[in-house]
N, C-alpha and C. Protein backbone atom coordinates (compact mmCIF):
# COMPACT_ATOMS: atom_id res chain seq x y z
N UNK A 1 -112.70 -9.91 13.18
CA UNK A 1 -112.29 -10.15 14.55
C UNK A 1 -113.41 -9.66 15.46
N UNK A 2 -113.71 -10.44 16.48
CA UNK A 2 -114.77 -10.04 17.39
C UNK A 2 -114.24 -9.84 18.81
N UNK A 3 -115.11 -9.34 19.65
CA UNK A 3 -114.72 -9.05 21.03
C UNK A 3 -114.30 -10.31 21.79
N UNK A 4 -114.95 -11.42 21.50
CA UNK A 4 -114.61 -12.67 22.21
C UNK A 4 -113.16 -13.07 21.92
N UNK A 5 -112.74 -12.96 20.68
CA UNK A 5 -111.35 -13.30 20.34
C UNK A 5 -110.38 -12.35 21.01
N UNK A 6 -110.73 -11.07 21.03
CA UNK A 6 -109.87 -10.09 21.68
C UNK A 6 -109.77 -10.37 23.18
N UNK A 7 -110.87 -10.77 23.79
CA UNK A 7 -110.83 -11.13 25.21
C UNK A 7 -109.94 -12.34 25.44
N UNK A 8 -109.96 -13.29 24.50
CA UNK A 8 -109.07 -14.45 24.60
C UNK A 8 -107.61 -14.01 24.55
N UNK A 9 -107.29 -13.09 23.65
CA UNK A 9 -105.92 -12.58 23.57
C UNK A 9 -105.53 -11.87 24.87
N UNK A 10 -106.47 -11.12 25.44
CA UNK A 10 -106.20 -10.43 26.69
C UNK A 10 -105.93 -11.43 27.81
N UNK A 11 -106.67 -12.51 27.84
CA UNK A 11 -106.43 -13.55 28.85
C UNK A 11 -105.06 -14.20 28.65
N UNK A 12 -104.70 -14.44 27.39
CA UNK A 12 -103.36 -14.97 27.09
C UNK A 12 -102.28 -14.04 27.61
N UNK A 13 -102.49 -12.74 27.39
CA UNK A 13 -101.52 -11.74 27.86
C UNK A 13 -101.39 -11.79 29.38
N UNK A 14 -102.51 -11.86 30.06
CA UNK A 14 -102.48 -11.91 31.53
C UNK A 14 -101.76 -13.16 32.03
N UNK A 15 -101.97 -14.27 31.37
CA UNK A 15 -101.29 -15.52 31.75
C UNK A 15 -99.79 -15.36 31.55
N UNK A 16 -99.38 -14.82 30.42
CA UNK A 16 -97.96 -14.63 30.14
C UNK A 16 -97.32 -13.65 31.13
N UNK A 17 -98.06 -12.62 31.49
CA UNK A 17 -97.54 -11.67 32.49
C UNK A 17 -97.28 -12.42 33.80
N UNK A 18 -98.21 -13.28 34.18
CA UNK A 18 -98.05 -14.07 35.40
C UNK A 18 -96.91 -15.06 35.34
N UNK A 19 -96.55 -15.48 34.13
CA UNK A 19 -95.50 -16.48 33.95
C UNK A 19 -94.11 -15.87 33.71
N UNK A 20 -94.01 -14.56 33.70
CA UNK A 20 -92.71 -13.94 33.44
C UNK A 20 -91.67 -14.42 34.45
N UNK A 21 -90.51 -14.76 33.94
CA UNK A 21 -89.45 -15.28 34.80
C UNK A 21 -88.72 -14.19 35.56
N UNK A 22 -88.55 -13.02 34.95
CA UNK A 22 -87.74 -11.99 35.60
C UNK A 22 -88.48 -11.26 36.72
N UNK A 23 -89.78 -11.19 36.66
CA UNK A 23 -90.61 -10.55 37.68
C UNK A 23 -90.13 -9.15 38.06
N UNK A 24 -89.54 -8.46 37.11
CA UNK A 24 -89.12 -7.07 37.31
C UNK A 24 -90.38 -6.24 37.60
N UNK A 25 -90.43 -5.55 38.73
CA UNK A 25 -91.62 -4.78 39.08
C UNK A 25 -92.02 -3.74 38.04
N UNK A 26 -91.04 -3.11 37.40
CA UNK A 26 -91.35 -2.11 36.39
C UNK A 26 -91.98 -2.75 35.16
N UNK A 27 -91.47 -3.91 34.77
CA UNK A 27 -92.02 -4.63 33.62
C UNK A 27 -93.44 -5.07 33.93
N UNK A 28 -93.62 -5.65 35.11
CA UNK A 28 -94.95 -6.11 35.50
C UNK A 28 -95.94 -4.95 35.56
N UNK A 29 -95.52 -3.85 36.12
CA UNK A 29 -96.39 -2.68 36.22
C UNK A 29 -96.79 -2.18 34.84
N UNK A 30 -95.81 -2.08 33.96
CA UNK A 30 -96.07 -1.59 32.61
C UNK A 30 -97.04 -2.51 31.86
N UNK A 31 -96.83 -3.81 31.96
CA UNK A 31 -97.69 -4.75 31.26
C UNK A 31 -99.08 -4.82 31.88
N UNK A 32 -99.16 -4.78 33.20
CA UNK A 32 -100.47 -4.80 33.85
C UNK A 32 -101.28 -3.55 33.53
N UNK A 33 -100.60 -2.41 33.47
CA UNK A 33 -101.29 -1.17 33.09
C UNK A 33 -101.82 -1.27 31.67
N UNK A 34 -101.00 -1.81 30.77
CA UNK A 34 -101.43 -1.96 29.39
C UNK A 34 -102.63 -2.91 29.30
N UNK A 35 -102.57 -4.04 30.01
CA UNK A 35 -103.68 -4.99 30.00
C UNK A 35 -104.96 -4.31 30.51
N UNK A 36 -104.82 -3.50 31.56
CA UNK A 36 -105.98 -2.77 32.08
C UNK A 36 -106.55 -1.79 31.07
N UNK A 37 -105.68 -1.12 30.34
CA UNK A 37 -106.13 -0.18 29.32
C UNK A 37 -106.86 -0.90 28.18
N UNK A 38 -106.37 -2.06 27.81
CA UNK A 38 -107.02 -2.85 26.75
C UNK A 38 -108.40 -3.31 27.24
N UNK A 39 -108.45 -3.78 28.47
CA UNK A 39 -109.71 -4.23 29.04
C UNK A 39 -110.72 -3.08 29.11
N UNK A 40 -110.24 -1.91 29.48
CA UNK A 40 -111.11 -0.73 29.54
C UNK A 40 -111.66 -0.38 28.16
N UNK A 41 -110.83 -0.48 27.14
CA UNK A 41 -111.27 -0.19 25.77
C UNK A 41 -112.33 -1.19 25.32
N UNK A 42 -112.21 -2.42 25.77
CA UNK A 42 -113.22 -3.43 25.43
C UNK A 42 -114.54 -3.17 26.14
N UNK A 43 -114.46 -2.80 27.41
CA UNK A 43 -115.66 -2.62 28.21
C UNK A 43 -116.42 -1.35 27.87
N UNK A 44 -115.70 -0.30 27.52
CA UNK A 44 -116.38 0.95 27.19
C UNK A 44 -115.60 1.68 26.10
N UNK A 45 -115.97 1.43 24.84
CA UNK A 45 -115.27 2.10 23.74
C UNK A 45 -115.27 3.61 23.97
N UNK A 46 -114.10 4.19 23.80
CA UNK A 46 -113.92 5.61 24.11
C UNK A 46 -113.72 6.42 22.84
N UNK A 47 -113.46 7.69 23.04
CA UNK A 47 -113.21 8.57 21.91
C UNK A 47 -111.91 8.18 21.21
N UNK A 48 -111.78 8.62 19.98
CA UNK A 48 -110.66 8.19 19.15
C UNK A 48 -109.30 8.60 19.71
N UNK A 49 -109.20 9.72 20.41
CA UNK A 49 -107.90 10.13 20.93
C UNK A 49 -107.42 9.15 21.99
N UNK A 50 -108.33 8.64 22.82
CA UNK A 50 -107.95 7.66 23.82
C UNK A 50 -107.56 6.35 23.15
N UNK A 51 -108.28 5.98 22.09
CA UNK A 51 -107.94 4.78 21.33
C UNK A 51 -106.58 4.90 20.67
N UNK A 52 -106.28 6.09 20.16
CA UNK A 52 -104.97 6.33 19.55
C UNK A 52 -103.87 6.15 20.58
N UNK A 53 -104.11 6.64 21.81
CA UNK A 53 -103.13 6.47 22.88
C UNK A 53 -102.93 4.99 23.20
N UNK A 54 -104.02 4.23 23.19
CA UNK A 54 -103.93 2.79 23.47
C UNK A 54 -103.09 2.10 22.41
N UNK A 55 -103.36 2.38 21.14
CA UNK A 55 -102.60 1.77 20.05
C UNK A 55 -101.13 2.17 20.14
N UNK A 56 -100.86 3.43 20.43
CA UNK A 56 -99.47 3.88 20.60
C UNK A 56 -98.79 3.14 21.75
N UNK A 57 -99.53 2.94 22.83
CA UNK A 57 -98.98 2.21 23.98
C UNK A 57 -98.66 0.77 23.64
N UNK A 58 -99.54 0.13 22.88
CA UNK A 58 -99.28 -1.25 22.47
C UNK A 58 -98.06 -1.31 21.57
N UNK A 59 -97.99 -0.40 20.59
CA UNK A 59 -96.85 -0.39 19.69
C UNK A 59 -95.54 -0.15 20.44
N UNK A 60 -95.56 0.77 21.38
CA UNK A 60 -94.36 1.04 22.16
C UNK A 60 -93.92 -0.16 22.97
N UNK A 61 -94.88 -0.90 23.52
CA UNK A 61 -94.54 -2.09 24.28
C UNK A 61 -94.05 -3.21 23.39
N UNK A 62 -94.59 -3.31 22.20
CA UNK A 62 -94.09 -4.32 21.26
C UNK A 62 -92.61 -4.05 20.98
N UNK A 63 -92.28 -2.81 20.72
CA UNK A 63 -90.88 -2.46 20.44
C UNK A 63 -90.00 -2.70 21.67
N UNK A 64 -90.52 -2.38 22.84
CA UNK A 64 -89.74 -2.52 24.07
C UNK A 64 -89.47 -3.98 24.43
N UNK A 65 -90.47 -4.84 24.26
CA UNK A 65 -90.35 -6.23 24.71
C UNK A 65 -89.98 -7.22 23.62
N UNK A 66 -89.79 -6.74 22.41
CA UNK A 66 -89.57 -7.61 21.26
C UNK A 66 -88.47 -8.64 21.48
N UNK A 67 -87.33 -8.24 21.98
CA UNK A 67 -86.20 -9.15 22.13
C UNK A 67 -86.31 -10.01 23.38
N UNK A 68 -86.73 -9.41 24.49
CA UNK A 68 -86.73 -10.12 25.76
C UNK A 68 -87.95 -11.01 25.98
N UNK A 69 -89.09 -10.63 25.43
CA UNK A 69 -90.33 -11.36 25.68
C UNK A 69 -91.10 -11.57 24.37
N UNK A 70 -90.61 -12.45 23.50
CA UNK A 70 -91.24 -12.62 22.19
C UNK A 70 -92.69 -13.14 22.25
N UNK A 71 -93.02 -13.93 23.26
CA UNK A 71 -94.39 -14.43 23.37
C UNK A 71 -95.34 -13.27 23.66
N UNK A 72 -94.96 -12.42 24.59
CA UNK A 72 -95.79 -11.26 24.92
C UNK A 72 -95.89 -10.34 23.71
N UNK A 73 -94.80 -10.17 23.00
CA UNK A 73 -94.80 -9.33 21.80
C UNK A 73 -95.79 -9.87 20.77
N UNK A 74 -95.81 -11.17 20.58
CA UNK A 74 -96.74 -11.78 19.63
C UNK A 74 -98.19 -11.56 20.03
N UNK A 75 -98.47 -11.71 21.31
CA UNK A 75 -99.84 -11.49 21.81
C UNK A 75 -100.23 -10.03 21.63
N UNK A 76 -99.33 -9.12 21.96
CA UNK A 76 -99.63 -7.69 21.79
C UNK A 76 -99.87 -7.35 20.33
N UNK A 77 -99.14 -7.97 19.44
CA UNK A 77 -99.33 -7.73 18.01
C UNK A 77 -100.72 -8.21 17.58
N UNK A 78 -101.14 -9.38 18.05
CA UNK A 78 -102.48 -9.89 17.73
C UNK A 78 -103.56 -8.98 18.31
N UNK A 79 -103.35 -8.49 19.52
CA UNK A 79 -104.31 -7.58 20.14
C UNK A 79 -104.42 -6.30 19.33
N UNK A 80 -103.28 -5.75 18.94
CA UNK A 80 -103.30 -4.52 18.15
C UNK A 80 -104.05 -4.72 16.83
N UNK A 81 -103.81 -5.83 16.17
CA UNK A 81 -104.51 -6.11 14.91
C UNK A 81 -106.01 -6.29 15.14
N UNK A 82 -106.37 -6.96 16.25
CA UNK A 82 -107.79 -7.16 16.56
C UNK A 82 -108.47 -5.82 16.84
N UNK A 83 -107.82 -4.96 17.62
CA UNK A 83 -108.39 -3.65 17.90
C UNK A 83 -108.56 -2.84 16.61
N UNK A 84 -107.58 -2.92 15.76
CA UNK A 84 -107.65 -2.20 14.50
C UNK A 84 -108.80 -2.68 13.63
N UNK A 85 -108.98 -3.99 13.56
CA UNK A 85 -110.06 -4.53 12.72
C UNK A 85 -111.44 -4.22 13.30
N UNK A 86 -111.48 -3.93 14.62
CA UNK A 86 -112.75 -3.56 15.26
C UNK A 86 -112.98 -2.05 15.20
N UNK A 87 -112.04 -1.31 14.65
CA UNK A 87 -112.19 0.12 14.55
C UNK A 87 -111.82 0.87 15.81
N UNK A 88 -111.08 0.22 16.68
CA UNK A 88 -110.64 0.86 17.93
C UNK A 88 -109.23 1.37 17.74
């Protein structure tokens, strides 16, 4: 997995966030913050503790959105796998 593919997944996530039907401000805030954290990890790889927090955040969001937003959950799962294969 390379950075270009991960950036594509991030763009997919941003599009899905924009297309959410419920537009719950808390959901949008949570997902936008996560997208920002992923983008930050791509732009400047950080120490492992920060990367661990990012992975934990993605996993927590996957569990939280699994039933209500399956498309977002699928994208987050692909992002998590891509980050893992890149050693992040």
